[in-house]
Amino acid sequence: MLKLNLKESFQKDFDKLLLNGFDDSVLKEVILRKKEPLPPPFKDHALKGIWKPYRECHIKLDILLVYLVKDDELILLRLGSHSELF
């Protein structure tokens, strides 16, 4: 099982979404903390450029999670819409 590391930027993004009525049940499904590939509907993929070596997956249609798996740690960096993050 991966150790969960919530960055301050992720926590701020998460709190903001919760205030706007975000249903975090899908996020809990993604954060199973296992080193297994996510199902295809999450559109998980590696990021490029300044975001390398992070990954991104789609929690909902326009809610993205930016994260990194490093050794036995799951690092959650950002959560929000594409326009907010990039």
PDB file of N, CA and C in Angstrom:
ATOM      1  N   MET A   1       0.843  -1.178   0.000  1.00  0.00           N
ATOM      2  CA  MET A   1       0.000   0.000   0.000  1.00  0.00           C
ATOM      3  C   MET A   1       0.892   1.246   0.000  1.00  0.00           C
ATOM      4  N   LEU A   2       0.493   2.226  -0.779  1.00  0.00           N
ATOM      5  CA  LEU A   2       1.254   3.469  -0.891  1.00  0.00           C
ATOM      6  C   LEU A   2       0.920   4.435   0.253  1.00  0.00           C
ATOM      7  N   LYS A   3       1.938   5.116   0.728  1.00  0.00           N
ATOM      8  CA  LYS A   3       1.750   6.158   1.742  1.00  0.00           C
ATOM      9  C   LYS A   3       1.229   7.409   1.036  1.00  0.00           C
ATOM     10  N   LEU A   4       0.201   8.016   1.580  1.00  0.00           N
ATOM     11  CA  LEU A   4      -0.427   9.188   0.969  1.00  0.00           C
ATOM     12  C   LEU A   4       0.255  10.470   1.445  1.00  0.00           C
ATOM     13  N   ASN A   5       0.638  11.326   0.484  1.00  0.00           N
ATOM     14  CA  ASN A   5       1.283  12.608   0.772  1.00  0.00           C
ATOM     15  C   ASN A   5       0.468  13.700   0.080  1.00  0.00           C
ATOM     16  N   LEU A   6      -0.281  14.461   0.857  1.00  0.00           N
ATOM     17  CA  LEU A   6      -1.112  15.540   0.320  1.00  0.00           C
ATOM     18  C   LEU A   6      -0.331  16.847   0.383  1.00  0.00           C
ATOM     19  N   LYS A   7      -0.001  17.397  -0.768  1.00  0.00           N
ATOM     20  CA  LYS A   7       0.695  18.680  -0.811  1.00  0.00           C
ATOM     21  C   LYS A   7      -0.287  19.797  -0.447  1.00  0.00           C
ATOM     22  N   GLU A   8       0.230  20.904   0.048  1.00  0.00           N
ATOM     23  CA  GLU A   8      -0.611  22.034   0.449  1.00  0.00           C
ATOM     24  C   GLU A   8      -1.456  22.538  -0.720  1.00  0.00           C
ATOM     25  N   SER A   9      -0.881  22.553  -1.913  1.00  0.00           N
ATOM     26  CA  SER A   9      -1.620  23.013  -3.096  1.00  0.00           C
ATOM     27  C   SER A   9      -2.818  22.109  -3.382  1.00  0.00           C
ATOM     28  N   PHE A  10      -2.649  20.791  -3.194  1.00  0.00           N
ATOM     29  CA  PHE A  10      -3.759  19.856  -3.382  1.00  0.00           C
ATOM     30  C   PHE A  10      -4.840  20.122  -2.339  1.00  0.00           C
ATOM     31  N   GLN A  11      -4.441  20.281  -1.087  1.00  0.00           N
ATOM     32  CA  GLN A  11      -5.414  20.482  -0.015  1.00  0.00           C
ATOM     33  C   GLN A  11      -6.243  21.743  -0.243  1.00  0.00           C
ATOM     34  N   LYS A  12      -5.612  22.818  -0.703  1.00  0.00           N
ATOM     35  CA  LYS A  12      -6.340  24.056  -1.011  1.00  0.00           C
ATOM     36  C   LYS A  12      -7.327  23.832  -2.152  1.00  0.00           C
ATOM     37  N   ASP A  13      -6.869  23.137  -3.203  1.00  0.00           N
ATOM     38  CA  ASP A  13      -7.746  22.835  -4.338  1.00  0.00           C
ATOM     39  C   ASP A  13      -8.941  21.995  -3.890  1.00  0.00           C
ATOM     40  N   PHE A  14      -8.672  20.980  -3.075  1.00  0.00           N
ATOM     41  CA  PHE A  14      -9.710  20.070  -2.592  1.00  0.00           C
ATOM     42  C   PHE A  14     -10.740  20.821  -1.748  1.00  0.00           C
ATOM     43  N   ASP A  15     -10.266  21.632  -0.816  1.00  0.00           N
ATOM     44  CA  ASP A  15     -11.181  22.402   0.038  1.00  0.00           C
ATOM     45  C   ASP A  15     -12.061  23.339  -0.791  1.00  0.00           C
ATOM     46  N   LYS A  16     -11.481  23.972  -1.799  1.00  0.00           N
ATOM     47  CA  LYS A  16     -12.236  24.874  -2.676  1.00  0.00           C
ATOM     48  C   LYS A  16     -13.337  24.112  -3.419  1.00  0.00           C
ATOM     49  N   LEU A  17     -13.001  22.924  -3.933  1.00  0.00           N
ATOM     50  CA  LEU A  17     -13.999  22.120  -4.642  1.00  0.00           C
ATOM     51  C   LEU A  17     -15.113  21.665  -3.705  1.00  0.00           C
ATOM     52  N   LEU A  18     -14.759  21.271  -2.478  1.00  0.00           N
ATOM     53  CA  LEU A  18     -15.777  20.848  -1.513  1.00  0.00           C
ATOM     54  C   LEU A  18     -16.757  21.978  -1.211  1.00  0.00           C
ATOM     55  N   LEU A  19     -16.248  23.195  -1.083  1.00  0.00           N
ATOM     56  CA  LEU A  19     -17.125  24.346  -0.835  1.00  0.00           C
ATOM     57  C   LEU A  19     -18.099  24.577  -1.988  1.00  0.00           C
ATOM     58  N   ASN A  20     -17.702  24.133  -3.187  1.00  0.00           N
ATOM     59  CA  ASN A  20     -18.554  24.288  -4.368  1.00  0.00           C
ATOM     60  C   ASN A  20     -19.389  23.045  -4.652  1.00  0.00           C
ATOM     61  N   GLY A  21     -19.487  22.124  -3.671  1.00  0.00           N
ATOM     62  CA  GLY A  21     -20.359  20.968  -3.809  1.00  0.00           C
ATOM     63  C   GLY A  21     -19.742  19.755  -4.481  1.00  0.00           C
ATOM     64  N   PHE A  22     -18.429  19.676  -4.550  1.00  0.00           N
ATOM     65  CA  PHE A  22     -17.738  18.546  -5.172  1.00  0.00           C
ATOM     66  C   PHE A  22     -18.033  17.251  -4.421  1.00  0.00           C
ATOM     67  N   ASP A  23     -18.407  16.202  -5.166  1.00  0.00           N
ATOM     68  CA  ASP A  23     -18.635  14.870  -4.608  1.00  0.00           C
ATOM     69  C   ASP A  23     -17.307  14.120  -4.663  1.00  0.00           C
ATOM     70  N   ASP A  24     -16.689  13.901  -3.513  1.00  0.00           N
ATOM     71  CA  ASP A  24     -15.354  13.303  -3.482  1.00  0.00           C
ATOM     72  C   ASP A  24     -15.345  11.780  -3.558  1.00  0.00           C
ATOM     73  N   SER A  25     -16.494  11.140  -3.778  1.00  0.00           N
ATOM     74  CA  SER A  25     -16.536   9.677  -3.823  1.00  0.00           C
ATOM     75  C   SER A  25     -15.702   9.111  -4.971  1.00  0.00           C
ATOM     76  N   VAL A  26     -15.675   9.779  -6.117  1.00  0.00           N
ATOM     77  CA  VAL A  26     -14.870   9.309  -7.248  1.00  0.00           C
ATOM     78  C   VAL A  26     -13.390   9.454  -6.928  1.00  0.00           C
ATOM     79  N   LEU A  27     -13.032  10.521  -6.252  1.00  0.00           N
ATOM     80  CA  LEU A  27     -11.637  10.728  -5.869  1.00  0.00           C
ATOM     81  C   LEU A  27     -11.167   9.601  -4.956  1.00  0.00           C
ATOM     82  N   LYS A  28     -12.018   9.179  -4.041  1.00  0.00           N
ATOM     83  CA  LYS A  28     -11.668   8.077  -3.140  1.00  0.00           C
ATOM     84  C   LYS A  28     -11.425   6.791  -3.920  1.00  0.00           C
ATOM     85  N   GLU A  29     -12.160   6.597  -5.007  1.00  0.00           N
ATOM     86  CA  GLU A  29     -11.974   5.415  -5.848  1.00  0.00           C
ATOM     87  C   GLU A  29     -10.600   5.437  -6.512  1.00  0.00           C
ATOM     88  N   VAL A  30     -10.158   6.602  -6.939  1.00  0.00           N
ATOM     89  CA  VAL A  30      -8.856   6.744  -7.595  1.00  0.00           C
ATOM     90  C   VAL A  30      -7.726   6.531  -6.593  1.00  0.00           C
ATOM     91  N   ILE A  31      -7.923   7.021  -5.381  1.00  0.00           N
ATOM     92  CA  ILE A  31      -6.862   6.963  -4.376  1.00  0.00           C
ATOM     93  C   ILE A  31      -6.967   5.665  -3.573  1.00  0.00           C
ATOM     94  N   LEU A  32      -6.903   4.551  -4.256  1.00  0.00           N
ATOM     95  CA  LEU A  32      -6.902   3.263  -3.569  1.00  0.00           C
ATOM     96  C   LEU A  32      -5.529   2.957  -2.995  1.00  0.00           C
ATOM     97  N   ARG A  33      -4.545   3.747  -3.402  1.00  0.00           N
ATOM     98  CA  ARG A  33      -3.188   3.656  -2.908  1.00  0.00           C
ATOM     99  C   ARG A  33      -2.533   2.312  -3.212  1.00  0.00           C
ATOM    100  N   LYS A  34      -2.808   1.787  -4.377  1.00  0.00           N
ATOM    101  CA  LYS A  34      -2.145   0.572  -4.839  1.00  0.00           C
ATOM    102  C   LYS A  34      -1.392   0.910  -6.112  1.00  0.00           C
ATOM    103  N   LYS A  35      -0.356   0.170  -6.376  1.00  0.00           N
ATOM    104  CA  LYS A  35       0.420   0.393  -7.601  1.00  0.00           C
ATOM    105  C   LYS A  35      -0.203  -0.397  -8.750  1.00  0.00           C
ATOM    106  N   GLU A  36      -1.423  -0.059  -9.086  1.00  0.00           N
ATOM    107  CA  GLU A  36      -2.134  -0.705 -10.185  1.00  0.00           C
ATOM    108  C   GLU A  36      -2.613   0.375 -11.145  1.00  0.00           C
ATOM    109  N   PRO A  37      -2.646   0.065 -12.450  1.00  0.00           N
ATOM    110  CA  PRO A  37      -3.141   1.055 -13.421  1.00  0.00           C
ATOM    111  C   PRO A  37      -4.605   1.413 -13.150  1.00  0.00           C
ATOM    112  N   LEU A  38      -4.936   2.663 -13.414  1.00  0.00           N
ATOM    113  CA  LEU A  38      -6.325   3.107 -13.267  1.00  0.00           C
ATOM    114  C   LEU A  38      -7.146   2.607 -14.451  1.00  0.00           C
ATOM    115  N   PRO A  39      -8.440   2.397 -14.263  1.00  0.00           N
ATOM    116  CA  PRO A  39      -9.302   2.000 -15.378  1.00  0.00           C
ATOM    117  C   PRO A  39      -9.295   3.067 -16.482  1.00  0.00           C
ATOM    118  N   PRO A  40      -9.499   2.665 -17.746  1.00  0.00           N
ATOM    119  CA  PRO A  40      -9.457   3.596 -18.886  1.00  0.00           C
ATOM    120  C   PRO A  40     -10.319   4.851 -18.767  1.00  0.00           C
ATOM    121  N   PRO A  41     -11.507   4.815 -18.150  1.00  0.00           N
ATOM    122  CA  PRO A  41     -12.307   6.053 -18.080  1.00  0.00           C
ATOM    123  C   PRO A  41     -11.604   7.215 -17.373  1.00  0.00           C
ATOM    124  N   PHE A  42     -10.599   6.930 -16.557  1.00  0.00           N
ATOM    125  CA  PHE A  42      -9.883   7.995 -15.851  1.00  0.00           C
ATOM    126  C   PHE A  42      -8.842   8.685 -16.729  1.00  0.00           C
ATOM    127  N   LYS A  43      -8.580   8.146 -17.915  1.00  0.00           N
ATOM    128  CA  LYS A  43      -7.657   8.752 -18.895  1.00  0.00           C
ATOM    129  C   LYS A  43      -6.318   9.132 -18.258  1.00  0.00           C
ATOM    130  N   ASP A  44      -5.770   8.223 -17.490  1.00  0.00           N
ATOM    131  CA  ASP A  44      -4.495   8.445 -16.811  1.00  0.00           C
ATOM    132  C   ASP A  44      -3.358   8.532 -17.820  1.00  0.00           C
ATOM    133  N   HIS A  45      -2.504   9.557 -17.677  1.00  0.00           N
ATOM    134  CA  HIS A  45      -1.372   9.693 -18.594  1.00  0.00           C
ATOM    135  C   HIS A  45      -0.262  10.536 -17.970  1.00  0.00           C
ATOM    136  N   ALA A  46       0.943  10.331 -18.490  1.00  0.00           N
ATOM    137  CA  ALA A  46       2.105  11.088 -18.032  1.00  0.00           C
ATOM    138  C   ALA A  46       2.040  12.504 -18.584  1.00  0.00           C
ATOM    139  N   LEU A  47       2.557  13.445 -17.818  1.00  0.00           N
ATOM    140  CA  LEU A  47       2.631  14.836 -18.261  1.00  0.00           C
ATOM    141  C   LEU A  47       4.012  15.122 -18.838  1.00  0.00           C
ATOM    142  N   LYS A  48       4.101  16.194 -19.611  1.00  0.00           N
ATOM    143  CA  LYS A  48       5.353  16.547 -20.286  1.00  0.00           C
ATOM    144  C   LYS A  48       5.818  17.932 -19.852  1.00  0.00           C
ATOM    145  N   GLY A  49       6.999  18.286 -20.312  1.00  0.00           N
ATOM    146  CA  GLY A  49       7.537  19.621 -20.053  1.00  0.00           C
ATOM    147  C   GLY A  49       7.836  19.841 -18.586  1.00  0.00           C
ATOM    148  N   ILE A  50       7.410  21.007 -18.069  1.00  0.00           N
ATOM    149  CA  ILE A  50       7.709  21.341 -16.678  1.00  0.00           C
ATOM    150  C   ILE A  50       6.976  20.435 -15.690  1.00  0.00           C
ATOM    151  N   TRP A  51       5.959  19.721 -16.158  1.00  0.00           N
ATOM    152  CA  TRP A  51       5.175  18.837 -15.296  1.00  0.00           C
ATOM    153  C   TRP A  51       5.752  17.420 -15.222  1.00  0.00           C
ATOM    154  N   LYS A  52       6.757  17.132 -16.031  1.00  0.00           N
ATOM    155  CA  LYS A  52       7.371  15.817 -15.990  1.00  0.00           C
ATOM    156  C   LYS A  52       8.033  15.670 -14.634  1.00  0.00           C
ATOM    157  N   PRO A  53       7.936  14.644 -13.878  1.00  0.00           N
ATOM    158  CA  PRO A  53       7.460  13.284 -14.101  1.00  0.00           C
ATOM    159  C   PRO A  53       6.053  13.020 -13.556  1.00  0.00           C
ATOM    160  N   TYR A  54       5.245  14.074 -13.359  1.00  0.00           N
ATOM    161  CA  TYR A  54       3.903  13.893 -12.804  1.00  0.00           C
ATOM    162  C   TYR A  54       2.964  13.225 -13.803  1.00  0.00           C
ATOM    163  N   ARG A  55       1.861  12.729 -13.261  1.00  0.00           N
ATOM    164  CA  ARG A  55       0.811  12.116 -14.071  1.00  0.00           C
ATOM    165  C   ARG A  55      -0.481  12.889 -13.828  1.00  0.00           C
ATOM    166  N   GLU A  56      -1.440  12.703 -14.728  1.00  0.00           N
ATOM    167  CA  GLU A  56      -2.743  13.360 -14.610  1.00  0.00           C
ATOM    168  C   GLU A  56      -3.818  12.333 -14.911  1.00  0.00           C
ATOM    169  N   CYS A  57      -4.909  12.392 -14.165  1.00  0.00           N
ATOM    170  CA  CYS A  57      -6.069  11.562 -14.482  1.00  0.00           C
ATOM    171  C   CYS A  57      -7.322  12.412 -14.321  1.00  0.00           C
ATOM    172  N   HIS A  58      -8.372  12.001 -15.008  1.00  0.00           N
ATOM    173  CA  HIS A  58      -9.639  12.735 -14.999  1.00  0.00           C
ATOM    174  C   HIS A  58     -10.555  12.139 -13.932  1.00  0.00           C
ATOM    175  N   ILE A  59     -10.822  12.919 -12.903  1.00  0.00           N
ATOM    176  CA  ILE A  59     -11.721  12.490 -11.835  1.00  0.00           C
ATOM    177  C   ILE A  59     -13.165  12.601 -12.313  1.00  0.00           C
ATOM    178  N   LYS A  60     -13.471  13.705 -12.947  1.00  0.00           N
ATOM    179  CA  LYS A  60     -14.759  13.941 -13.599  1.00  0.00           C
ATOM    180  C   LYS A  60     -14.442  14.586 -14.937  1.00  0.00           C
ATOM    181  N   LEU A  61     -15.436  14.965 -15.689  1.00  0.00           N
ATOM    182  CA  LEU A  61     -15.222  15.488 -17.034  1.00  0.00           C
ATOM    183  C   LEU A  61     -14.151  16.571 -17.072  1.00  0.00           C
ATOM    184  N   ASP A  62     -14.250  17.587 -16.214  1.00  0.00           N
ATOM    185  CA  ASP A  62     -13.239  18.642 -16.208  1.00  0.00           C
ATOM    186  C   ASP A  62     -12.644  18.849 -14.816  1.00  0.00           C
ATOM    187  N   ILE A  63     -12.489  17.766 -14.074  1.00  0.00           N
ATOM    188  CA  ILE A  63     -11.777  17.809 -12.797  1.00  0.00           C
ATOM    189  C   ILE A  63     -10.604  16.845 -12.919  1.00  0.00           C
ATOM    190  N   LEU A  64      -9.402  17.415 -12.862  1.00  0.00           N
ATOM    191  CA  LEU A  64      -8.183  16.645 -13.070  1.00  0.00           C
ATOM    192  C   LEU A  64      -7.401  16.524 -11.768  1.00  0.00           C
ATOM    193  N   LEU A  65      -6.721  15.393 -11.616  1.00  0.00           N
ATOM    194  CA  LEU A  65      -5.834  15.159 -10.484  1.00  0.00           C
ATOM    195  C   LEU A  65      -4.415  15.034 -11.013  1.00  0.00           C
ATOM    196  N   VAL A  66      -3.510  15.849 -10.497  1.00  0.00           N
ATOM    197  CA  VAL A  66      -2.093  15.764 -10.847  1.00  0.00           C
ATOM    198  C   VAL A  66      -1.398  15.081  -9.674  1.00  0.00           C
ATOM    199  N   TYR A  67      -0.684  13.997  -9.975  1.00  0.00           N
ATOM    200  CA  TYR A  67      -0.093  13.192  -8.913  1.00  0.00           C
ATOM    201  C   TYR A  67       1.215  12.565  -9.363  1.00  0.00           C
ATOM    202  N   LEU A  68       1.901  11.946  -8.420  1.00  0.00           N
ATOM    203  CA  LEU A  68       3.157  11.255  -8.692  1.00  0.00           C
ATOM    204  C   LEU A  68       3.257  10.061  -7.756  1.00  0.00           C
ATOM    205  N   VAL A  69       3.641   8.920  -8.304  1.00  0.00           N
ATOM    206  CA  VAL A  69       3.961   7.760  -7.480  1.00  0.00           C
ATOM    207  C   VAL A  69       5.478   7.668  -7.447  1.00  0.00           C
ATOM    208  N   LYS A  70       6.030   7.786  -6.247  1.00  0.00           N
ATOM    209  CA  LYS A  70       7.486   7.749  -6.082  1.00  0.00           C
ATOM    210  C   LYS A  70       7.804   6.750  -4.978  1.00  0.00           C
ATOM    211  N   ASP A  71       8.497   5.684  -5.352  1.00  0.00           N
ATOM    212  CA  ASP A  71       8.797   4.592  -4.426  1.00  0.00           C
ATOM    213  C   ASP A  71       7.481   4.071  -3.846  1.00  0.00           C
ATOM    214  N   ASP A  72       7.292   4.181  -2.543  1.00  0.00           N
ATOM    215  CA  ASP A  72       6.058   3.707  -1.908  1.00  0.00           C
ATOM    216  C   ASP A  72       5.181   4.862  -1.443  1.00  0.00           C
ATOM    217  N   GLU A  73       5.216   5.958  -2.188  1.00  0.00           N
ATOM    218  CA  GLU A  73       4.483   7.161  -1.809  1.00  0.00           C
ATOM    219  C   GLU A  73       3.616   7.645  -2.972  1.00  0.00           C
ATOM    220  N   LEU A  74       2.367   8.006  -2.668  1.00  0.00           N
ATOM    221  CA  LEU A  74       1.455   8.619  -3.631  1.00  0.00           C
ATOM    222  C   LEU A  74       1.358  10.099  -3.272  1.00  0.00           C
ATOM    223  N   ILE A  75       1.927  10.950  -4.132  1.00  0.00           N
ATOM    224  CA  ILE A  75       1.972  12.389  -3.890  1.00  0.00           C
ATOM    225  C   ILE A  75       0.865  13.057  -4.697  1.00  0.00           C
ATOM    226  N   LEU A  76      -0.074  13.705  -4.021  1.00  0.00           N
ATOM    227  CA  LEU A  76      -1.169  14.417  -4.684  1.00  0.00           C
ATOM    228  C   LEU A  76      -0.800  15.893  -4.715  1.00  0.00           C
ATOM    229  N   LEU A  77      -0.631  16.430  -5.936  1.00  0.00           N
ATOM    230  CA  LEU A  77      -0.125  17.788  -6.091  1.00  0.00           C
ATOM    231  C   LEU A  77      -1.215  18.822  -6.345  1.00  0.00           C
ATOM    232  N   ARG A  78      -2.108  18.576  -7.295  1.00  0.00           N
ATOM    233  CA  ARG A  78      -3.141  19.553  -7.667  1.00  0.00           C
ATOM    234  C   ARG A  78      -4.440  18.830  -7.996  1.00  0.00           C
ATOM    235  N   LEU A  79      -5.552  19.561  -7.896  1.00  0.00           N
ATOM    236  CA  LEU A  79      -6.878  19.055  -8.216  1.00  0.00           C
ATOM    237  C   LEU A  79      -7.710  20.224  -8.709  1.00  0.00           C
ATOM    238  N   GLY A  80      -8.245  20.128  -9.929  1.00  0.00           N
ATOM    239  CA  GLY A  80      -9.068  21.216 -10.445  1.00  0.00           C
ATOM    240  C   GLY A  80      -9.329  21.083 -11.925  1.00  0.00           C
ATOM    241  N   SER A  81      -9.925  22.105 -12.500  1.00  0.00           N
ATOM    242  CA  SER A  81     -10.231  22.087 -13.931  1.00  0.00           C
ATOM    243  C   SER A  81      -8.952  22.303 -14.733  1.00  0.00           C
ATOM    244  N   HIS A  82      -9.008  21.961 -16.000  1.00  0.00           N
ATOM    245  CA  HIS A  82      -7.842  22.109 -16.871  1.00  0.00           C
ATOM    246  C   HIS A  82      -7.395  23.570 -16.913  1.00  0.00           C
ATOM    247  N   SER A  83      -8.349  24.489 -17.015  1.00  0.00           N
ATOM    248  CA  SER A  83      -7.989  25.912 -17.099  1.00  0.00           C
ATOM    249  C   SER A  83      -7.373  26.431 -15.795  1.00  0.00           C
ATOM    250  N   GLU A  84      -7.745  25.866 -14.663  1.00  0.00           N
ATOM    251  CA  GLU A  84      -7.166  26.278 -13.382  1.00  0.00           C
ATOM    252  C   GLU A  84      -5.742  25.751 -13.201  1.00  0.00           C
ATOM    253  N   LEU A  85      -5.489  24.559 -13.712  1.00  0.00           N
ATOM    254  CA  LEU A  85      -4.205  23.903 -13.478  1.00  0.00           C
ATOM    255  C   LEU A  85      -3.149  24.244 -14.509  1.00  0.00           C
ATOM    256  N   PHE A  86      -3.588  24.439 -15.753  1.00  0.00           N
ATOM    257  CA  PHE A  86      -2.613  24.647 -16.827  1.00  0.00           C
ATOM    258  C   PHE A  86      -2.913  25.949 -17.485  1.00  0.00           C
TER     259      PHE A  86
END
